[in-house]
Structures are given as structure tokens and as C-alpha cells.
N, C-alpha and C. Protein backbone atom coordinates (compact mmCIF):
# COMPACT_ATOMS: atom_id res chain seq x y z
N MET A 1 4.49 -0.30 25.10
CA MET A 1 4.59 0.04 23.70
C MET A 1 5.24 -1.12 22.96
N VAL A 2 5.00 -1.18 21.70
CA VAL A 2 5.55 -2.25 20.90
C VAL A 2 7.05 -2.09 20.78
N ARG A 3 7.76 -3.18 20.97
CA ARG A 3 9.21 -3.15 20.80
C ARG A 3 9.49 -3.53 19.35
N PHE A 4 10.21 -2.67 18.66
CA PHE A 4 10.49 -2.91 17.26
C PHE A 4 11.65 -3.89 17.12
N THR A 5 11.46 -4.89 16.34
CA THR A 5 12.51 -5.87 16.09
C THR A 5 13.30 -5.44 14.87
N SER A 6 14.36 -6.16 14.61
CA SER A 6 15.18 -5.81 13.45
C SER A 6 14.36 -5.94 12.17
N ALA A 7 14.59 -5.03 11.28
CA ALA A 7 13.80 -4.96 10.04
C ALA A 7 14.29 -5.98 9.01
N VAL A 8 13.34 -6.48 8.25
CA VAL A 8 13.64 -7.37 7.14
C VAL A 8 13.49 -6.56 5.86
N LEU A 9 14.49 -6.58 5.02
CA LEU A 9 14.41 -5.82 3.78
C LEU A 9 13.73 -6.65 2.70
N ALA A 10 12.78 -6.03 2.02
CA ALA A 10 12.16 -6.63 0.85
C ALA A 10 12.66 -5.83 -0.34
N VAL A 11 13.42 -6.43 -1.20
CA VAL A 11 14.07 -5.70 -2.27
C VAL A 11 13.40 -6.02 -3.61
N PHE A 12 13.02 -4.99 -4.31
CA PHE A 12 12.41 -5.15 -5.62
C PHE A 12 13.12 -4.21 -6.58
N LEU A 13 13.80 -4.79 -7.56
CA LEU A 13 14.59 -4.00 -8.49
C LEU A 13 13.78 -3.70 -9.75
N TYR A 14 13.90 -2.48 -10.20
CA TYR A 14 13.31 -1.98 -11.44
C TYR A 14 11.79 -1.89 -11.38
N LEU A 15 11.08 -3.01 -11.35
CA LEU A 15 9.62 -2.97 -11.28
C LEU A 15 9.17 -3.54 -9.95
N ILE A 16 8.10 -3.04 -9.43
CA ILE A 16 7.57 -3.53 -8.17
C ILE A 16 6.39 -4.45 -8.52
N PRO A 17 6.63 -5.76 -8.49
CA PRO A 17 5.60 -6.70 -8.94
C PRO A 17 4.26 -6.56 -8.23
N ALA A 18 4.25 -6.28 -6.94
CA ALA A 18 2.98 -6.20 -6.23
C ALA A 18 2.12 -5.06 -6.75
N ALA A 19 2.73 -3.95 -7.12
CA ALA A 19 1.97 -2.81 -7.62
C ALA A 19 1.35 -3.12 -8.98
N LEU A 20 1.91 -4.10 -9.67
CA LEU A 20 1.39 -4.48 -10.97
C LEU A 20 0.45 -5.68 -10.88
N GLY A 21 0.20 -6.16 -9.67
CA GLY A 21 -0.69 -7.30 -9.50
C GLY A 21 -0.04 -8.63 -9.78
N VAL A 22 1.27 -8.70 -9.79
CA VAL A 22 1.99 -9.93 -10.06
C VAL A 22 2.32 -10.59 -8.72
N HIS A 23 2.21 -11.91 -8.65
CA HIS A 23 2.53 -12.61 -7.40
C HIS A 23 4.00 -12.45 -7.07
N LEU A 24 4.30 -12.16 -5.82
CA LEU A 24 5.67 -11.94 -5.37
C LEU A 24 6.46 -13.22 -5.24
N HIS A 25 5.80 -14.31 -4.96
CA HIS A 25 6.52 -15.51 -4.60
C HIS A 25 7.31 -16.10 -5.76
N GLY A 26 7.08 -15.65 -6.97
CA GLY A 26 7.89 -16.09 -8.10
C GLY A 26 9.15 -15.25 -8.27
N ARG A 27 9.27 -14.20 -7.51
CA ARG A 27 10.39 -13.26 -7.63
C ARG A 27 11.44 -13.58 -6.57
N ASP A 28 12.71 -13.55 -6.95
CA ASP A 28 13.79 -13.79 -6.00
C ASP A 28 14.11 -12.48 -5.30
N ILE A 29 13.61 -12.34 -4.06
CA ILE A 29 13.85 -11.10 -3.33
C ILE A 29 15.21 -11.10 -2.66
N ASN A 30 15.99 -12.14 -2.89
CA ASN A 30 17.32 -12.22 -2.30
C ASN A 30 18.41 -11.84 -3.30
N GLU A 31 18.02 -11.19 -4.38
CA GLU A 31 19.02 -10.73 -5.34
C GLU A 31 19.99 -9.81 -4.63
N PRO A 32 21.26 -9.85 -5.02
CA PRO A 32 22.22 -8.96 -4.35
C PRO A 32 21.86 -7.49 -4.58
N LEU A 33 22.12 -6.69 -3.57
CA LEU A 33 21.87 -5.26 -3.69
C LEU A 33 22.86 -4.64 -4.65
N LEU A 34 22.43 -3.59 -5.32
CA LEU A 34 23.33 -2.83 -6.18
C LEU A 34 24.19 -1.92 -5.31
N GLU A 35 25.22 -1.37 -5.89
CA GLU A 35 26.07 -0.42 -5.16
C GLU A 35 25.30 0.85 -4.80
N SER A 36 24.41 1.27 -5.70
CA SER A 36 23.61 2.46 -5.45
C SER A 36 22.31 2.35 -6.25
N TYR A 37 21.37 3.21 -5.91
CA TYR A 37 20.07 3.25 -6.57
C TYR A 37 19.74 4.69 -6.92
N ASP A 38 18.98 4.85 -7.98
CA ASP A 38 18.50 6.19 -8.32
C ASP A 38 17.50 6.68 -7.28
N TYR A 39 16.66 5.76 -6.79
CA TYR A 39 15.63 6.11 -5.81
C TYR A 39 15.52 5.01 -4.77
N ILE A 40 15.33 5.42 -3.53
CA ILE A 40 15.04 4.47 -2.44
C ILE A 40 13.73 4.91 -1.82
N VAL A 41 12.78 4.01 -1.81
CA VAL A 41 11.46 4.28 -1.24
C VAL A 41 11.34 3.46 0.04
N VAL A 42 11.05 4.13 1.14
CA VAL A 42 10.92 3.46 2.43
C VAL A 42 9.45 3.20 2.71
N GLY A 43 9.10 1.94 2.82
CA GLY A 43 7.72 1.54 3.07
C GLY A 43 7.07 1.02 1.81
N CYS A 44 6.70 -0.24 1.82
CA CYS A 44 6.10 -0.88 0.65
C CYS A 44 4.62 -1.12 0.85
N GLY A 45 3.94 -0.12 1.40
CA GLY A 45 2.49 -0.14 1.43
C GLY A 45 1.98 0.31 0.06
N ILE A 46 0.70 0.56 -0.05
CA ILE A 46 0.14 0.95 -1.34
C ILE A 46 0.86 2.17 -1.91
N SER A 47 1.02 3.21 -1.11
CA SER A 47 1.66 4.43 -1.61
C SER A 47 3.10 4.18 -2.03
N GLY A 48 3.86 3.47 -1.20
CA GLY A 48 5.25 3.19 -1.53
C GLY A 48 5.39 2.36 -2.79
N LEU A 49 4.50 1.40 -2.98
CA LEU A 49 4.56 0.57 -4.18
C LEU A 49 4.16 1.35 -5.42
N VAL A 50 3.16 2.22 -5.29
CA VAL A 50 2.76 3.05 -6.43
C VAL A 50 3.89 3.99 -6.81
N VAL A 51 4.49 4.65 -5.83
CA VAL A 51 5.62 5.56 -6.11
C VAL A 51 6.76 4.78 -6.75
N SER A 52 7.09 3.62 -6.21
CA SER A 52 8.18 2.81 -6.77
C SER A 52 7.88 2.39 -8.20
N ASN A 53 6.65 1.98 -8.44
CA ASN A 53 6.26 1.57 -9.78
C ASN A 53 6.35 2.73 -10.76
N ARG A 54 5.86 3.89 -10.37
CA ARG A 54 5.91 5.05 -11.26
C ARG A 54 7.35 5.45 -11.55
N LEU A 55 8.20 5.43 -10.52
CA LEU A 55 9.62 5.77 -10.73
C LEU A 55 10.30 4.78 -11.66
N SER A 56 9.88 3.54 -11.62
CA SER A 56 10.54 2.51 -12.42
C SER A 56 9.98 2.39 -13.83
N GLU A 57 9.03 3.26 -14.21
CA GLU A 57 8.48 3.20 -15.56
C GLU A 57 9.54 3.50 -16.61
N ILE A 58 10.58 4.21 -16.23
CA ILE A 58 11.72 4.43 -17.13
C ILE A 58 12.73 3.32 -16.81
N ALA A 59 12.94 2.43 -17.77
CA ALA A 59 13.71 1.21 -17.53
C ALA A 59 15.13 1.45 -17.03
N SER A 60 15.71 2.58 -17.35
CA SER A 60 17.09 2.84 -16.93
C SER A 60 17.21 3.21 -15.45
N ARG A 61 16.09 3.51 -14.80
CA ARG A 61 16.12 3.89 -13.39
C ARG A 61 16.18 2.64 -12.51
N THR A 62 16.91 2.76 -11.42
CA THR A 62 16.92 1.69 -10.43
C THR A 62 16.19 2.17 -9.19
N VAL A 63 15.34 1.32 -8.66
CA VAL A 63 14.52 1.67 -7.52
C VAL A 63 14.63 0.57 -6.47
N LEU A 64 14.86 0.96 -5.24
CA LEU A 64 14.88 0.03 -4.12
C LEU A 64 13.72 0.39 -3.21
N CYS A 65 12.85 -0.56 -2.95
CA CYS A 65 11.74 -0.35 -2.03
C CYS A 65 11.99 -1.24 -0.82
N ILE A 66 12.09 -0.64 0.35
CA ILE A 66 12.36 -1.43 1.55
C ILE A 66 11.14 -1.45 2.47
N GLU A 67 10.92 -2.58 3.09
CA GLU A 67 9.77 -2.79 3.96
C GLU A 67 10.23 -3.52 5.22
N ALA A 68 9.76 -3.07 6.37
CA ALA A 68 10.14 -3.70 7.64
C ALA A 68 9.50 -5.07 7.80
N GLY A 69 8.35 -5.27 7.22
CA GLY A 69 7.65 -6.54 7.38
C GLY A 69 7.98 -7.53 6.29
N ASP A 70 7.34 -8.66 6.37
CA ASP A 70 7.52 -9.77 5.44
C ASP A 70 6.49 -9.65 4.32
N ALA A 71 6.57 -10.53 3.35
CA ALA A 71 5.51 -10.69 2.36
C ALA A 71 4.44 -11.58 2.99
N ASP A 72 3.18 -11.37 2.63
CA ASP A 72 2.14 -12.24 3.18
C ASP A 72 2.26 -13.62 2.54
N HIS A 73 1.57 -14.58 3.12
CA HIS A 73 1.67 -15.96 2.65
C HIS A 73 0.33 -16.46 2.13
N TYR A 74 -0.45 -15.56 1.53
CA TYR A 74 -1.72 -15.87 0.87
C TYR A 74 -2.75 -16.49 1.80
N GLU A 75 -2.76 -16.06 3.06
CA GLU A 75 -3.77 -16.55 3.98
C GLU A 75 -5.13 -15.96 3.63
N ALA A 76 -6.18 -16.65 4.06
CA ALA A 76 -7.54 -16.15 3.81
C ALA A 76 -7.75 -14.79 4.46
N VAL A 77 -7.14 -14.54 5.61
CA VAL A 77 -7.30 -13.26 6.31
C VAL A 77 -6.79 -12.10 5.46
N VAL A 78 -5.93 -12.39 4.49
CA VAL A 78 -5.40 -11.38 3.59
C VAL A 78 -6.21 -11.30 2.32
N GLN A 79 -6.61 -12.42 1.77
CA GLN A 79 -7.21 -12.46 0.44
C GLN A 79 -8.73 -12.38 0.40
N ASP A 80 -9.39 -12.73 1.47
CA ASP A 80 -10.84 -12.81 1.46
C ASP A 80 -11.44 -11.57 2.13
N PRO A 81 -12.19 -10.75 1.39
CA PRO A 81 -12.75 -9.52 1.97
C PRO A 81 -13.65 -9.74 3.17
N VAL A 82 -14.16 -10.94 3.36
CA VAL A 82 -15.00 -11.20 4.53
C VAL A 82 -14.20 -11.03 5.83
N TYR A 83 -12.87 -11.08 5.73
CA TYR A 83 -12.02 -10.96 6.91
C TYR A 83 -11.44 -9.55 7.10
N VAL A 84 -12.04 -8.55 6.48
CA VAL A 84 -11.53 -7.18 6.62
C VAL A 84 -11.35 -6.85 8.10
N GLY A 85 -10.15 -6.46 8.46
CA GLY A 85 -9.84 -6.08 9.83
C GLY A 85 -9.55 -7.22 10.78
N ALA A 86 -9.66 -8.46 10.32
CA ALA A 86 -9.47 -9.62 11.21
C ALA A 86 -8.03 -9.76 11.70
N ASP A 87 -7.07 -9.23 10.98
CA ASP A 87 -5.67 -9.39 11.39
C ASP A 87 -5.15 -8.19 12.19
N ILE A 88 -6.03 -7.29 12.57
CA ILE A 88 -5.59 -6.17 13.40
C ILE A 88 -5.08 -6.74 14.72
N GLY A 89 -3.85 -6.39 15.04
CA GLY A 89 -3.19 -6.96 16.21
C GLY A 89 -2.50 -8.28 15.92
N GLY A 90 -2.56 -8.73 14.67
CA GLY A 90 -1.97 -10.00 14.27
C GLY A 90 -0.56 -9.85 13.75
N ILE A 91 -0.12 -10.85 13.00
CA ILE A 91 1.29 -10.89 12.57
C ILE A 91 1.65 -9.82 11.55
N TYR A 92 0.66 -9.25 10.86
CA TYR A 92 0.95 -8.25 9.84
C TYR A 92 0.67 -6.82 10.33
N ASP A 93 0.51 -6.64 11.61
CA ASP A 93 0.18 -5.34 12.19
C ASP A 93 1.30 -4.93 13.15
N TRP A 94 1.66 -3.65 13.14
CA TRP A 94 2.64 -3.15 14.10
C TRP A 94 2.08 -3.20 15.52
N ASP A 95 0.78 -3.36 15.67
CA ASP A 95 0.11 -3.48 16.96
C ASP A 95 0.32 -2.22 17.82
N LEU A 96 0.12 -1.07 17.20
CA LEU A 96 0.26 0.20 17.90
C LEU A 96 -1.09 0.63 18.49
N GLU A 97 -1.03 1.49 19.46
CA GLU A 97 -2.27 2.06 20.00
C GLU A 97 -2.06 3.53 20.31
N THR A 98 -3.16 4.24 20.46
CA THR A 98 -3.09 5.67 20.76
C THR A 98 -2.61 5.87 22.19
N VAL A 99 -2.25 7.09 22.49
CA VAL A 99 -2.01 7.45 23.89
C VAL A 99 -3.38 7.48 24.57
N PRO A 100 -3.42 7.41 25.88
CA PRO A 100 -4.72 7.48 26.57
C PRO A 100 -5.48 8.75 26.17
N GLN A 101 -6.76 8.58 25.87
CA GLN A 101 -7.60 9.67 25.39
C GLN A 101 -8.49 10.20 26.52
N THR A 102 -8.39 11.48 26.79
CA THR A 102 -9.18 12.11 27.85
C THR A 102 -10.67 11.88 27.63
N GLN A 103 -11.12 12.03 26.39
CA GLN A 103 -12.54 11.89 26.07
C GLN A 103 -13.01 10.44 26.13
N LEU A 104 -12.10 9.50 26.30
CA LEU A 104 -12.46 8.08 26.41
C LEU A 104 -12.11 7.55 27.80
N ASP A 105 -12.22 8.42 28.79
CA ASP A 105 -11.92 8.04 30.18
C ASP A 105 -10.52 7.45 30.33
N GLY A 106 -9.57 7.99 29.57
CA GLY A 106 -8.19 7.54 29.67
C GLY A 106 -7.88 6.26 28.93
N ASN A 107 -8.84 5.75 28.19
CA ASN A 107 -8.61 4.51 27.43
C ASN A 107 -7.83 4.78 26.15
N THR A 108 -7.25 3.74 25.61
CA THR A 108 -6.52 3.81 24.34
C THR A 108 -7.33 3.09 23.27
N ARG A 109 -6.94 3.29 22.03
CA ARG A 109 -7.57 2.62 20.90
C ARG A 109 -6.48 2.08 19.98
N PRO A 110 -6.76 0.97 19.31
CA PRO A 110 -5.76 0.44 18.36
C PRO A 110 -5.58 1.39 17.18
N MET A 111 -4.36 1.43 16.66
CA MET A 111 -4.04 2.20 15.46
C MET A 111 -3.41 1.24 14.46
N PRO A 112 -4.23 0.50 13.71
CA PRO A 112 -3.69 -0.51 12.80
C PRO A 112 -2.76 0.10 11.76
N GLN A 113 -1.58 -0.47 11.64
CA GLN A 113 -0.58 -0.07 10.66
C GLN A 113 0.06 -1.34 10.11
N GLY A 114 -0.05 -1.56 8.83
CA GLY A 114 0.47 -2.79 8.24
C GLY A 114 1.98 -2.90 8.31
N LYS A 115 2.46 -4.01 8.83
CA LYS A 115 3.90 -4.33 8.86
C LYS A 115 4.10 -5.51 7.91
N VAL A 116 3.95 -5.23 6.63
CA VAL A 116 3.95 -6.29 5.63
C VAL A 116 4.03 -5.62 4.26
N LEU A 117 4.53 -6.34 3.30
CA LEU A 117 4.52 -5.85 1.94
C LEU A 117 3.07 -5.64 1.52
N GLY A 118 2.71 -4.41 1.21
CA GLY A 118 1.33 -4.06 0.92
C GLY A 118 0.74 -3.17 1.99
N GLY A 119 1.41 -3.09 3.14
CA GLY A 119 1.00 -2.19 4.21
C GLY A 119 -0.40 -2.43 4.73
N GLY A 120 -1.09 -1.34 5.03
CA GLY A 120 -2.42 -1.42 5.61
C GLY A 120 -3.44 -2.10 4.72
N SER A 121 -3.19 -2.17 3.42
CA SER A 121 -4.13 -2.84 2.53
C SER A 121 -4.26 -4.32 2.90
N ILE A 122 -3.21 -4.89 3.45
CA ILE A 122 -3.26 -6.29 3.87
C ILE A 122 -4.24 -6.44 5.04
N LEU A 123 -4.24 -5.48 5.95
CA LEU A 123 -5.16 -5.53 7.08
C LEU A 123 -6.60 -5.32 6.63
N ASN A 124 -6.78 -4.70 5.47
CA ASN A 124 -8.11 -4.42 4.93
C ASN A 124 -8.53 -5.44 3.88
N ALA A 125 -7.92 -6.63 3.88
CA ALA A 125 -8.20 -7.67 2.88
C ALA A 125 -8.04 -7.11 1.47
N MET A 126 -7.09 -6.21 1.30
CA MET A 126 -6.72 -5.60 0.03
C MET A 126 -7.85 -4.77 -0.59
N CYS A 127 -8.77 -4.29 0.24
CA CYS A 127 -9.84 -3.41 -0.23
C CYS A 127 -9.42 -1.96 -0.01
N TRP A 128 -9.84 -1.08 -0.89
CA TRP A 128 -9.55 0.34 -0.71
C TRP A 128 -10.70 1.15 -1.27
N ASN A 129 -10.76 2.38 -0.87
CA ASN A 129 -11.76 3.28 -1.43
C ASN A 129 -11.12 4.64 -1.62
N ARG A 130 -11.88 5.55 -2.16
CA ARG A 130 -11.37 6.89 -2.43
C ARG A 130 -12.32 7.91 -1.84
N GLY A 131 -11.82 9.12 -1.73
CA GLY A 131 -12.65 10.21 -1.24
C GLY A 131 -13.69 10.61 -2.28
N GLY A 132 -14.66 11.37 -1.84
CA GLY A 132 -15.71 11.86 -2.73
C GLY A 132 -15.24 13.03 -3.57
N SER A 133 -15.90 13.25 -4.68
CA SER A 133 -15.50 14.31 -5.62
C SER A 133 -15.52 15.69 -4.95
N ASP A 134 -16.48 15.92 -4.06
CA ASP A 134 -16.55 17.23 -3.38
C ASP A 134 -15.31 17.50 -2.54
N ASP A 135 -14.76 16.46 -1.93
CA ASP A 135 -13.54 16.64 -1.12
C ASP A 135 -12.38 17.11 -1.99
N PHE A 136 -12.20 16.47 -3.13
CA PHE A 136 -11.09 16.85 -4.01
C PHE A 136 -11.30 18.25 -4.58
N ASP A 137 -12.54 18.56 -4.95
CA ASP A 137 -12.83 19.90 -5.46
C ASP A 137 -12.58 20.96 -4.39
N ALA A 138 -12.86 20.63 -3.13
CA ALA A 138 -12.61 21.58 -2.03
C ALA A 138 -11.11 21.81 -1.87
N TRP A 139 -10.30 20.75 -2.00
CA TRP A 139 -8.84 20.92 -1.91
C TRP A 139 -8.36 21.90 -2.97
N GLU A 140 -8.89 21.72 -4.18
CA GLU A 140 -8.48 22.61 -5.27
C GLU A 140 -8.94 24.04 -5.00
N ALA A 141 -10.16 24.19 -4.48
CA ALA A 141 -10.70 25.52 -4.18
C ALA A 141 -9.89 26.23 -3.10
N PHE A 142 -9.24 25.48 -2.23
CA PHE A 142 -8.41 26.06 -1.17
C PHE A 142 -7.02 26.45 -1.67
N GLY A 143 -6.84 26.42 -2.99
CA GLY A 143 -5.57 26.89 -3.55
C GLY A 143 -4.59 25.79 -3.91
N ASN A 144 -5.09 24.61 -4.22
CA ASN A 144 -4.22 23.49 -4.59
C ASN A 144 -4.55 23.05 -6.01
N PRO A 145 -4.03 23.78 -7.01
CA PRO A 145 -4.35 23.43 -8.39
C PRO A 145 -3.91 22.01 -8.72
N GLY A 146 -4.75 21.34 -9.49
CA GLY A 146 -4.45 19.97 -9.90
C GLY A 146 -4.99 18.91 -8.96
N TRP A 147 -5.60 19.33 -7.84
CA TRP A 147 -6.14 18.38 -6.88
C TRP A 147 -7.66 18.27 -6.96
N GLY A 148 -8.28 18.89 -7.96
CA GLY A 148 -9.73 18.77 -8.14
C GLY A 148 -10.09 17.41 -8.69
N TRP A 149 -11.37 17.07 -8.60
CA TRP A 149 -11.85 15.76 -9.03
C TRP A 149 -11.50 15.47 -10.48
N ALA A 150 -11.68 16.44 -11.36
CA ALA A 150 -11.40 16.21 -12.78
C ALA A 150 -9.93 15.86 -13.01
N SER A 151 -9.04 16.43 -12.19
CA SER A 151 -7.61 16.15 -12.33
C SER A 151 -7.22 14.81 -11.72
N ILE A 152 -7.89 14.41 -10.65
CA ILE A 152 -7.54 13.20 -9.92
C ILE A 152 -8.16 11.95 -10.52
N LEU A 153 -9.34 12.06 -11.11
CA LEU A 153 -10.05 10.90 -11.64
C LEU A 153 -9.21 10.03 -12.57
N PRO A 154 -8.42 10.60 -13.49
CA PRO A 154 -7.62 9.72 -14.35
C PRO A 154 -6.66 8.80 -13.57
N TYR A 155 -6.19 9.26 -12.42
CA TYR A 155 -5.30 8.42 -11.62
C TYR A 155 -6.06 7.30 -10.93
N PHE A 156 -7.30 7.57 -10.51
CA PHE A 156 -8.13 6.49 -9.98
C PHE A 156 -8.42 5.47 -11.08
N MET A 157 -8.69 5.96 -12.27
CA MET A 157 -8.95 5.06 -13.39
C MET A 157 -7.72 4.20 -13.67
N LYS A 158 -6.54 4.81 -13.63
CA LYS A 158 -5.31 4.06 -13.88
C LYS A 158 -5.09 2.99 -12.81
N ALA A 159 -5.40 3.33 -11.57
CA ALA A 159 -5.19 2.38 -10.47
C ALA A 159 -6.16 1.20 -10.53
N SER A 160 -7.29 1.36 -11.17
CA SER A 160 -8.28 0.29 -11.18
C SER A 160 -8.46 -0.34 -12.56
N TYR A 161 -7.61 -0.02 -13.50
CA TYR A 161 -7.75 -0.52 -14.86
C TYR A 161 -7.30 -1.97 -14.96
N SER A 162 -8.00 -2.73 -15.75
CA SER A 162 -7.58 -4.09 -16.11
C SER A 162 -7.90 -4.30 -17.57
N ASP A 163 -7.07 -5.07 -18.23
CA ASP A 163 -7.33 -5.37 -19.64
C ASP A 163 -8.33 -6.51 -19.79
N GLY A 164 -8.85 -7.01 -18.67
CA GLY A 164 -9.83 -8.08 -18.71
C GLY A 164 -9.24 -9.47 -18.63
N SER A 165 -7.91 -9.59 -18.61
CA SER A 165 -7.29 -10.91 -18.58
C SER A 165 -7.35 -11.56 -17.20
N LEU A 166 -7.64 -10.78 -16.18
CA LEU A 166 -7.74 -11.34 -14.84
C LEU A 166 -9.17 -11.84 -14.63
N HIS A 167 -9.32 -13.12 -14.40
CA HIS A 167 -10.65 -13.72 -14.33
C HIS A 167 -11.52 -13.17 -13.21
N TRP A 168 -10.93 -12.65 -12.16
CA TRP A 168 -11.70 -12.18 -11.02
C TRP A 168 -12.08 -10.71 -11.10
N TYR A 169 -11.61 -10.02 -12.10
CA TYR A 169 -11.83 -8.58 -12.18
C TYR A 169 -13.26 -8.26 -12.58
N LEU A 170 -13.90 -7.37 -11.84
CA LEU A 170 -15.23 -6.89 -12.18
C LEU A 170 -15.10 -5.48 -12.71
N THR A 171 -15.82 -5.17 -13.76
CA THR A 171 -15.73 -3.83 -14.33
C THR A 171 -16.80 -2.93 -13.73
N TYR A 172 -16.50 -1.66 -13.65
CA TYR A 172 -17.43 -0.67 -13.15
C TYR A 172 -16.94 0.69 -13.62
N THR A 173 -17.75 1.70 -13.43
CA THR A 173 -17.39 3.05 -13.83
C THR A 173 -17.18 3.90 -12.59
N LEU A 174 -16.07 4.63 -12.56
CA LEU A 174 -15.75 5.47 -11.41
C LEU A 174 -16.38 6.85 -11.49
N GLU A 175 -16.92 7.20 -12.62
CA GLU A 175 -17.44 8.56 -12.79
C GLU A 175 -18.77 8.74 -12.11
């Protein structure tokens, strides 16, 4: 099994630059820690960064997001979608695997988990997708109000919105 080494803290105060699409390397992540924080988010993968960013939308709140891994160094394996999955088992992966599977003749399989600021999205060359509308509608039908497609779509739109100032951004419709 993988032996876990000592964790490196990645500290982002108030706003989480990665969640906003801002390059991290211009930010001093060695700022001294505050005595306390309003919120501490453990794990700076996509979900952790989104939660941290949403919590920090009120400027008076302090948010600490901690990550066991390092920030990536803009390698092609991270930035170029042609390399999706190429770093599985590499420096940004916890390198975990399943327990032996009876149905696979006792073999194991890799379980990629990002050990880096950005989490598993780094292993996926920063690509992501969403579930289909029928899946969300089924969740709502099973007694989870607010989880239907009509309720969730605005959040997908928010996550993929750009004002057009980013030269690489392609526009499309999620509906």
C-alpha cells in the first residue's frame, strides 16, 4: 500500500485563485496563517475549491483550504487534453489501488486520486463532464427536492461561464 508522507499545506486566504481560473504561481502561498478561520476546507480538488470559493464570496469570511499535494508546474501532462490519464500513477496521483477483486481473478485495479491542487481534474488534463438530465431528474423523483435538472443547470452554467476575455474559451450551450 502507498505510504503517506507528510502533508504539504497549500494556503489560500479569502479567495481561492484556482477556482476562479487565476494562475497560482503569482500568489504567495507562504503567507502566515491566521489565528483562526471561519471555515477550513480539507482537500483542494474541484469540489474543495468550489466550496472554498463560494464560502469566500462574502469578503469578511476567512477560508483556509488545505491540500496534501503540491501545486502543478504547468506540465503538458496537466494542461494538454491529449494526455488525459497519462499521469495516473505519476507524481500527482496518490497511486492507490483496489483490494483484490474476486471477479478479476484476484487482481487489483488502479484508483486514481489526485494528490495536487486541483485534485483528480489534474489527472484528467483539467477536463470534466456532468451527468445527464435524466439522472438529476431521477434523484429529485426519489425525494430529493432541488436536485432535478432544472434546479442544477444554473450551477453548471455558473461553473462554465466566461465573459469572453479568455482567448482559449469556446462558447457552447449546456441546455
